[in-house]
Amino acid sequence: MHVRYLNVDLEIESKSDLSKIVEEFGEDVIVLHCGEMRGYQHASFEAPNPAEADDIINHFCLLVEELTKEAR
């Protein structure tokens, strides 16, 4: 079996609404899901441009670091 890298997704689960995070991430992500799942708010994101895993992880880290206090 050949193993290969496909992509990196960011998954966020919270008791609070995640729509502010979705709004602030804007077009810097592809929103795969945002809504309730198993009693929690859940959001799943994918990077809009394929890249190496480290680059995508850095992209997500920067987006999280740049969130406003209200979104955090």
PDB file of N, CA and C in Angstrom:
ATOM      1  N   MET A   1       0.840  -1.176   0.000  1.00  0.00           N
ATOM      2  CA  MET A   1       0.000   0.000   0.000  1.00  0.00           C
ATOM      3  C   MET A   1       0.889   1.245   0.000  1.00  0.00           C
ATOM      4  N   HIS A   2       0.541   2.189  -0.849  1.00  0.00           N
ATOM      5  CA  HIS A   2       1.276   3.447  -0.948  1.00  0.00           C
ATOM      6  C   HIS A   2       0.571   4.500  -0.091  1.00  0.00           C
ATOM      7  N   VAL A   3       1.277   5.123   0.839  1.00  0.00           N
ATOM      8  CA  VAL A   3       0.735   6.162   1.697  1.00  0.00           C
ATOM      9  C   VAL A   3       1.192   7.509   1.166  1.00  0.00           C
ATOM     10  N   ARG A   4       0.230   8.448   1.072  1.00  0.00           N
ATOM     11  CA  ARG A   4       0.598   9.785   0.600  1.00  0.00           C
ATOM     12  C   ARG A   4      -0.221  10.838   1.324  1.00  0.00           C
ATOM     13  N   TYR A   5       0.320  12.021   1.384  1.00  0.00           N
ATOM     14  CA  TYR A   5      -0.321  13.164   2.030  1.00  0.00           C
ATOM     15  C   TYR A   5      -1.459  13.672   1.152  1.00  0.00           C
ATOM     16  N   LEU A   6      -2.623  13.939   1.773  1.00  0.00           N
ATOM     17  CA  LEU A   6      -3.754  14.496   1.033  1.00  0.00           C
ATOM     18  C   LEU A   6      -3.993  15.955   1.384  1.00  0.00           C
ATOM     19  N   ASN A   7      -4.275  16.239   2.661  1.00  0.00           N
ATOM     20  CA  ASN A   7      -4.514  17.610   3.081  1.00  0.00           C
ATOM     21  C   ASN A   7      -4.537  17.712   4.597  1.00  0.00           C
ATOM     22  N   VAL A   8      -4.722  18.931   5.082  1.00  0.00           N
ATOM     23  CA  VAL A   8      -4.849  19.207   6.510  1.00  0.00           C
ATOM     24  C   VAL A   8      -6.150  19.973   6.704  1.00  0.00           C
ATOM     25  N   ASP A   9      -6.978  19.517   7.629  1.00  0.00           N
ATOM     26  CA  ASP A   9      -8.198  20.235   7.991  1.00  0.00           C
ATOM     27  C   ASP A   9      -8.047  20.763   9.408  1.00  0.00           C
ATOM     28  N   LEU A  10      -8.712  21.879   9.688  1.00  0.00           N
ATOM     29  CA  LEU A  10      -8.776  22.421  11.040  1.00  0.00           C
ATOM     30  C   LEU A  10     -10.179  22.159  11.556  1.00  0.00           C
ATOM     31  N   GLU A  11     -10.274  21.503  12.708  1.00  0.00           N
ATOM     32  CA  GLU A  11     -11.557  21.184  13.333  1.00  0.00           C
ATOM     33  C   GLU A  11     -11.642  21.939  14.656  1.00  0.00           C
ATOM     34  N   ILE A  12     -12.747  22.660  14.859  1.00  0.00           N
ATOM     35  CA  ILE A  12     -12.958  23.385  16.111  1.00  0.00           C
ATOM     36  C   ILE A  12     -14.289  22.931  16.692  1.00  0.00           C
ATOM     37  N   GLU A  13     -14.279  22.623  17.993  1.00  0.00           N
ATOM     38  CA  GLU A  13     -15.497  22.222  18.689  1.00  0.00           C
ATOM     39  C   GLU A  13     -15.632  23.097  19.928  1.00  0.00           C
ATOM     40  N   SER A  14     -16.842  23.590  20.176  1.00  0.00           N
ATOM     41  CA  SER A  14     -17.042  24.525  21.272  1.00  0.00           C
ATOM     42  C   SER A  14     -18.474  24.443  21.791  1.00  0.00           C
ATOM     43  N   LYS A  15     -18.669  24.922  23.013  1.00  0.00           N
ATOM     44  CA  LYS A  15     -20.020  25.086  23.536  1.00  0.00           C
ATOM     45  C   LYS A  15     -20.623  26.390  23.025  1.00  0.00           C
ATOM     46  N   SER A  16     -19.767  27.284  22.489  1.00  0.00           N
ATOM     47  CA  SER A  16     -20.194  28.598  22.001  1.00  0.00           C
ATOM     48  C   SER A  16     -20.326  28.607  20.485  1.00  0.00           C
ATOM     49  N   ASP A  17     -21.068  29.581  20.006  1.00  0.00           N
ATOM     50  CA  ASP A  17     -21.266  29.779  18.572  1.00  0.00           C
ATOM     51  C   ASP A  17     -19.929  30.057  17.882  1.00  0.00           C
ATOM     52  N   LEU A  18     -19.696  29.438  16.748  1.00  0.00           N
ATOM     53  CA  LEU A  18     -18.432  29.591  16.018  1.00  0.00           C
ATOM     54  C   LEU A  18     -18.554  30.480  14.786  1.00  0.00           C
ATOM     55  N   SER A  19     -19.707  31.097  14.585  1.00  0.00           N
ATOM     56  CA  SER A  19     -19.912  31.882  13.367  1.00  0.00           C
ATOM     57  C   SER A  19     -18.972  33.085  13.270  1.00  0.00           C
ATOM     58  N   LYS A  20     -18.568  33.654  14.388  1.00  0.00           N
ATOM     59  CA  LYS A  20     -17.628  34.798  14.363  1.00  0.00           C
ATOM     60  C   LYS A  20     -16.270  34.350  13.825  1.00  0.00           C
ATOM     61  N   ILE A  21     -15.834  33.159  14.188  1.00  0.00           N
ATOM     62  CA  ILE A  21     -14.569  32.637  13.672  1.00  0.00           C
ATOM     63  C   ILE A  21     -14.680  32.404  12.167  1.00  0.00           C
ATOM     64  N   VAL A  22     -15.787  31.805  11.754  1.00  0.00           N
ATOM     65  CA  VAL A  22     -16.008  31.573  10.324  1.00  0.00           C
ATOM     66  C   VAL A  22     -15.965  32.901   9.567  1.00  0.00           C
ATOM     67  N   GLU A  23     -16.621  33.901  10.120  1.00  0.00           N
ATOM     68  CA  GLU A  23     -16.650  35.233   9.498  1.00  0.00           C
ATOM     69  C   GLU A  23     -15.246  35.830   9.399  1.00  0.00           C
ATOM     70  N   GLU A  24     -14.476  35.751  10.479  1.00  0.00           N
ATOM     71  CA  GLU A  24     -13.139  36.355  10.485  1.00  0.00           C
ATOM     72  C   GLU A  24     -12.151  35.599   9.596  1.00  0.00           C
ATOM     73  N   PHE A  25     -12.288  34.287   9.510  1.00  0.00           N
ATOM     74  CA  PHE A  25     -11.413  33.532   8.603  1.00  0.00           C
ATOM     75  C   PHE A  25     -11.694  33.923   7.157  1.00  0.00           C
ATOM     76  N   GLY A  26     -12.934  34.249   6.857  1.00  0.00           N
ATOM     77  CA  GLY A  26     -13.313  34.738   5.532  1.00  0.00           C
ATOM     78  C   GLY A  26     -12.903  33.825   4.395  1.00  0.00           C
ATOM     79  N   GLU A  27     -12.354  34.425   3.358  1.00  0.00           N
ATOM     80  CA  GLU A  27     -11.964  33.682   2.162  1.00  0.00           C
ATOM     81  C   GLU A  27     -10.603  33.010   2.289  1.00  0.00           C
ATOM     82  N   ASP A  28     -10.004  33.096   3.485  1.00  0.00           N
ATOM     83  CA  ASP A  28      -8.715  32.438   3.721  1.00  0.00           C
ATOM     84  C   ASP A  28      -8.875  30.950   3.996  1.00  0.00           C
ATOM     85  N   VAL A  29     -10.141  30.477   4.062  1.00  0.00           N
ATOM     86  CA  VAL A  29     -10.430  29.060   4.289  1.00  0.00           C
ATOM     87  C   VAL A  29     -11.622  28.627   3.443  1.00  0.00           C
ATOM     88  N   ILE A  30     -11.769  27.329   3.323  1.00  0.00           N
ATOM     89  CA  ILE A  30     -12.986  26.736   2.779  1.00  0.00           C
ATOM     90  C   ILE A  30     -13.704  26.129   3.979  1.00  0.00           C
ATOM     91  N   VAL A  31     -14.954  26.528   4.195  1.00  0.00           N
ATOM     92  CA  VAL A  31     -15.731  26.004   5.313  1.00  0.00           C
ATOM     93  C   VAL A  31     -16.387  24.703   4.860  1.00  0.00           C
ATOM     94  N   LEU A  32     -15.982  23.611   5.487  1.00  0.00           N
ATOM     95  CA  LEU A  32     -16.547  22.309   5.156  1.00  0.00           C
ATOM     96  C   LEU A  32     -17.826  22.048   5.945  1.00  0.00           C
ATOM     97  N   HIS A  33     -17.879  22.580   7.166  1.00  0.00           N
ATOM     98  CA  HIS A  33     -19.060  22.403   8.012  1.00  0.00           C
ATOM     99  C   HIS A  33     -19.042  23.464   9.098  1.00  0.00           C
ATOM    100  N   CYS A  34     -20.218  23.963   9.437  1.00  0.00           N
ATOM    101  CA  CYS A  34     -20.366  24.840  10.600  1.00  0.00           C
ATOM    102  C   CYS A  34     -21.778  24.638  11.134  1.00  0.00           C
ATOM    103  N   GLY A  35     -21.869  24.109  12.340  1.00  0.00           N
ATOM    104  CA  GLY A  35     -23.168  23.870  12.944  1.00  0.00           C
ATOM    105  C   GLY A  35     -23.051  22.933  14.121  1.00  0.00           C
ATOM    106  N   GLU A  36     -24.208  22.480  14.615  1.00  0.00           N
ATOM    107  CA  GLU A  36     -24.214  21.613  15.784  1.00  0.00           C
ATOM    108  C   GLU A  36     -23.882  20.171  15.403  1.00  0.00           C
ATOM    109  N   MET A  37     -23.084  19.557  16.266  1.00  0.00           N
ATOM    110  CA  MET A  37     -22.722  18.161  16.076  1.00  0.00           C
ATOM    111  C   MET A  37     -22.496  17.545  17.458  1.00  0.00           C
ATOM    112  N   ARG A  38     -23.219  16.507  17.777  1.00  0.00           N
ATOM    113  CA  ARG A  38     -23.090  15.806  19.060  1.00  0.00           C
ATOM    114  C   ARG A  38     -23.238  16.742  20.264  1.00  0.00           C
ATOM    115  N   GLY A  39     -24.136  17.717  20.159  1.00  0.00           N
ATOM    116  CA  GLY A  39     -24.396  18.625  21.273  1.00  0.00           C
ATOM    117  C   GLY A  39     -23.443  19.792  21.399  1.00  0.00           C
ATOM    118  N   TYR A  40     -22.485  19.914  20.484  1.00  0.00           N
ATOM    119  CA  TYR A  40     -21.528  21.023  20.494  1.00  0.00           C
ATOM    120  C   TYR A  40     -21.574  21.756  19.156  1.00  0.00           C
ATOM    121  N   GLN A  41     -21.062  22.968  19.158  1.00  0.00           N
ATOM    122  CA  GLN A  41     -20.874  23.687  17.902  1.00  0.00           C
ATOM    123  C   GLN A  41     -19.585  23.173  17.280  1.00  0.00           C
ATOM    124  N   HIS A  42     -19.619  22.940  15.999  1.00  0.00           N
ATOM    125  CA  HIS A  42     -18.482  22.349  15.311  1.00  0.00           C
ATOM    126  C   HIS A  42     -18.234  23.103  14.012  1.00  0.00           C
ATOM    127  N   ALA A  43     -16.968  23.355  13.718  1.00  0.00           N
ATOM    128  CA  ALA A  43     -16.595  23.961  12.444  1.00  0.00           C
ATOM    129  C   ALA A  43     -15.390  23.212  11.894  1.00  0.00           C
ATOM    130  N   SER A  44     -15.427  22.979  10.613  1.00  0.00           N
ATOM    131  CA  SER A  44     -14.353  22.263   9.926  1.00  0.00           C
ATOM    132  C   SER A  44     -13.895  23.101   8.743  1.00  0.00           C
ATOM    133  N   PHE A  45     -12.591  23.312   8.652  1.00  0.00           N
ATOM    134  CA  PHE A  45     -12.028  24.188   7.625  1.00  0.00           C
ATOM    135  C   PHE A  45     -10.951  23.468   6.827  1.00  0.00           C
ATOM    136  N   GLU A  46     -10.798  23.900   5.597  1.00  0.00           N
ATOM    137  CA  GLU A  46      -9.742  23.405   4.716  1.00  0.00           C
ATOM    138  C   GLU A  46      -9.065  24.622   4.102  1.00  0.00           C
ATOM    139  N   ALA A  47      -7.784  24.525   3.833  1.00  0.00           N
ATOM    140  CA  ALA A  47      -7.071  25.621   3.173  1.00  0.00           C
ATOM    141  C   ALA A  47      -7.525  25.703   1.715  1.00  0.00           C
ATOM    142  N   PRO A  48      -7.646  26.922   1.171  1.00  0.00           N
ATOM    143  CA  PRO A  48      -8.140  27.065  -0.197  1.00  0.00           C
ATOM    144  C   PRO A  48      -7.139  26.646  -1.275  1.00  0.00           C
ATOM    145  N   ASN A  49      -5.867  26.621  -0.929  1.00  0.00           N
ATOM    146  CA  ASN A  49      -4.847  26.264  -1.915  1.00  0.00           C
ATOM    147  C   ASN A  49      -4.045  25.069  -1.422  1.00  0.00           C
ATOM    148  N   PRO A  50      -3.929  24.046  -2.245  1.00  0.00           N
ATOM    149  CA  PRO A  50      -3.127  22.893  -1.831  1.00  0.00           C
ATOM    150  C   PRO A  50      -1.670  23.299  -1.582  1.00  0.00           C
ATOM    151  N   ALA A  51      -1.092  22.740  -0.552  1.00  0.00           N
ATOM    152  CA  ALA A  51       0.301  23.043  -0.205  1.00  0.00           C
ATOM    153  C   ALA A  51       0.822  21.910   0.672  1.00  0.00           C
ATOM    154  N   GLU A  52       2.060  22.045   1.068  1.00  0.00           N
ATOM    155  CA  GLU A  52       2.660  21.076   1.986  1.00  0.00           C
ATOM    156  C   GLU A  52       1.985  21.202   3.356  1.00  0.00           C
ATOM    157  N   ALA A  53       1.969  20.131   4.111  1.00  0.00           N
ATOM    158  CA  ALA A  53       1.305  20.099   5.413  1.00  0.00           C
ATOM    159  C   ALA A  53       1.791  21.223   6.329  1.00  0.00           C
ATOM    160  N   ASP A  54       3.102  21.411   6.426  1.00  0.00           N
ATOM    161  CA  ASP A  54       3.633  22.456   7.307  1.00  0.00           C
ATOM    162  C   ASP A  54       3.135  23.840   6.907  1.00  0.00           C
ATOM    163  N   ASP A  55       3.037  24.102   5.621  1.00  0.00           N
ATOM    164  CA  ASP A  55       2.557  25.407   5.148  1.00  0.00           C
ATOM    165  C   ASP A  55       1.094  25.626   5.529  1.00  0.00           C
ATOM    166  N   ILE A  56       0.288  24.595   5.405  1.00  0.00           N
ATOM    167  CA  ILE A  56      -1.127  24.720   5.745  1.00  0.00           C
ATOM    168  C   ILE A  56      -1.301  24.882   7.258  1.00  0.00           C
ATOM    169  N   ILE A  57      -0.544  24.131   8.029  1.00  0.00           N
ATOM    170  CA  ILE A  57      -0.613  24.264   9.487  1.00  0.00           C
ATOM    171  C   ILE A  57      -0.208  25.674   9.896  1.00  0.00           C
ATOM    172  N   ASN A  58       0.839  26.210   9.319  1.00  0.00           N
ATOM    173  CA  ASN A  58       1.250  27.588   9.606  1.00  0.00           C
ATOM    174  C   ASN A  58       0.160  28.576   9.212  1.00  0.00           C
ATOM    175  N   HIS A  59      -0.487  28.339   8.087  1.00  0.00           N
ATOM    176  CA  HIS A  59      -1.587  29.187   7.617  1.00  0.00           C
ATOM    177  C   HIS A  59      -2.699  29.216   8.669  1.00  0.00           C
ATOM    178  N   PHE A  60      -3.113  28.036   9.154  1.00  0.00           N
ATOM    179  CA  PHE A  60      -4.160  27.974  10.167  1.00  0.00           C
ATOM    180  C   PHE A  60      -3.716  28.637  11.468  1.00  0.00           C
ATOM    181  N   CYS A  61      -2.479  28.423  11.875  1.00  0.00           N
ATOM    182  CA  CYS A  61      -1.969  29.044  13.109  1.00  0.00           C
ATOM    183  C   CYS A  61      -2.020  30.564  13.020  1.00  0.00           C
ATOM    184  N   LEU A  62      -1.621  31.112  11.896  1.00  0.00           N
ATOM    185  CA  LEU A  62      -1.669  32.565  11.715  1.00  0.00           C
ATOM    186  C   LEU A  62      -3.101  33.083  11.782  1.00  0.00           C
ATOM    187  N   LEU A  63      -4.026  32.370  11.160  1.00  0.00           N
ATOM    188  CA  LEU A  63      -5.428  32.788  11.208  1.00  0.00           C
ATOM    189  C   LEU A  63      -5.947  32.807  12.635  1.00  0.00           C
ATOM    190  N   VAL A  64      -5.615  31.785  13.412  1.00  0.00           N
ATOM    191  CA  VAL A  64      -6.063  31.721  14.803  1.00  0.00           C
ATOM    192  C   VAL A  64      -5.419  32.835  15.615  1.00  0.00           C
ATOM    193  N   GLU A  65      -4.131  33.075  15.421  1.00  0.00           N
ATOM    194  CA  GLU A  65      -3.433  34.138  16.154  1.00  0.00           C
ATOM    195  C   GLU A  65      -4.002  35.507  15.845  1.00  0.00           C
ATOM    196  N   GLU A  66      -4.537  35.698  14.642  1.00  0.00           N
ATOM    197  CA  GLU A  66      -5.066  37.000  14.220  1.00  0.00           C
ATOM    198  C   GLU A  66      -6.527  37.208  14.593  1.00  0.00           C
ATOM    199  N   LEU A  67      -7.169  36.211  15.195  1.00  0.00           N
ATOM    200  CA  LEU A  67      -8.565  36.378  15.608  1.00  0.00           C
ATOM    201  C   LEU A  67      -8.705  37.488  16.632  1.00  0.00           C
ATOM    202  N   THR A  68      -9.795  38.210  16.549  1.00  0.00           N
ATOM    203  CA  THR A  68     -10.061  39.247  17.543  1.00  0.00           C
ATOM    204  C   THR A  68     -10.357  38.580  18.880  1.00  0.00           C
ATOM    205  N   LYS A  69     -10.285  39.363  19.939  1.00  0.00           N
ATOM    206  CA  LYS A  69     -10.571  38.856  21.278  1.00  0.00           C
ATOM    207  C   LYS A  69     -12.007  38.336  21.336  1.00  0.00           C
ATOM    208  N   GLU A  70     -12.906  39.018  20.664  1.00  0.00           N
ATOM    209  CA  GLU A  70     -14.312  38.612  20.647  1.00  0.00           C
ATOM    210  C   GLU A  70     -14.485  37.220  20.028  1.00  0.00           C
ATOM    211  N   ALA A  71     -13.770  36.944  18.962  1.00  0.00           N
ATOM    212  CA  ALA A  71     -13.876  35.648  18.293  1.00  0.00           C
ATOM    213  C   ALA A  71     -13.224  34.540  19.104  1.00  0.00           C
ATOM    214  N   ARG A  72     -12.139  34.878  19.787  1.00  0.00           N
ATOM    215  CA  ARG A  72     -11.457  33.861  20.604  1.00  0.00           C
ATOM    216  C   ARG A  72     -12.328  33.465  21.765  1.00  0.00           C
TER     217      ARG A  72
END
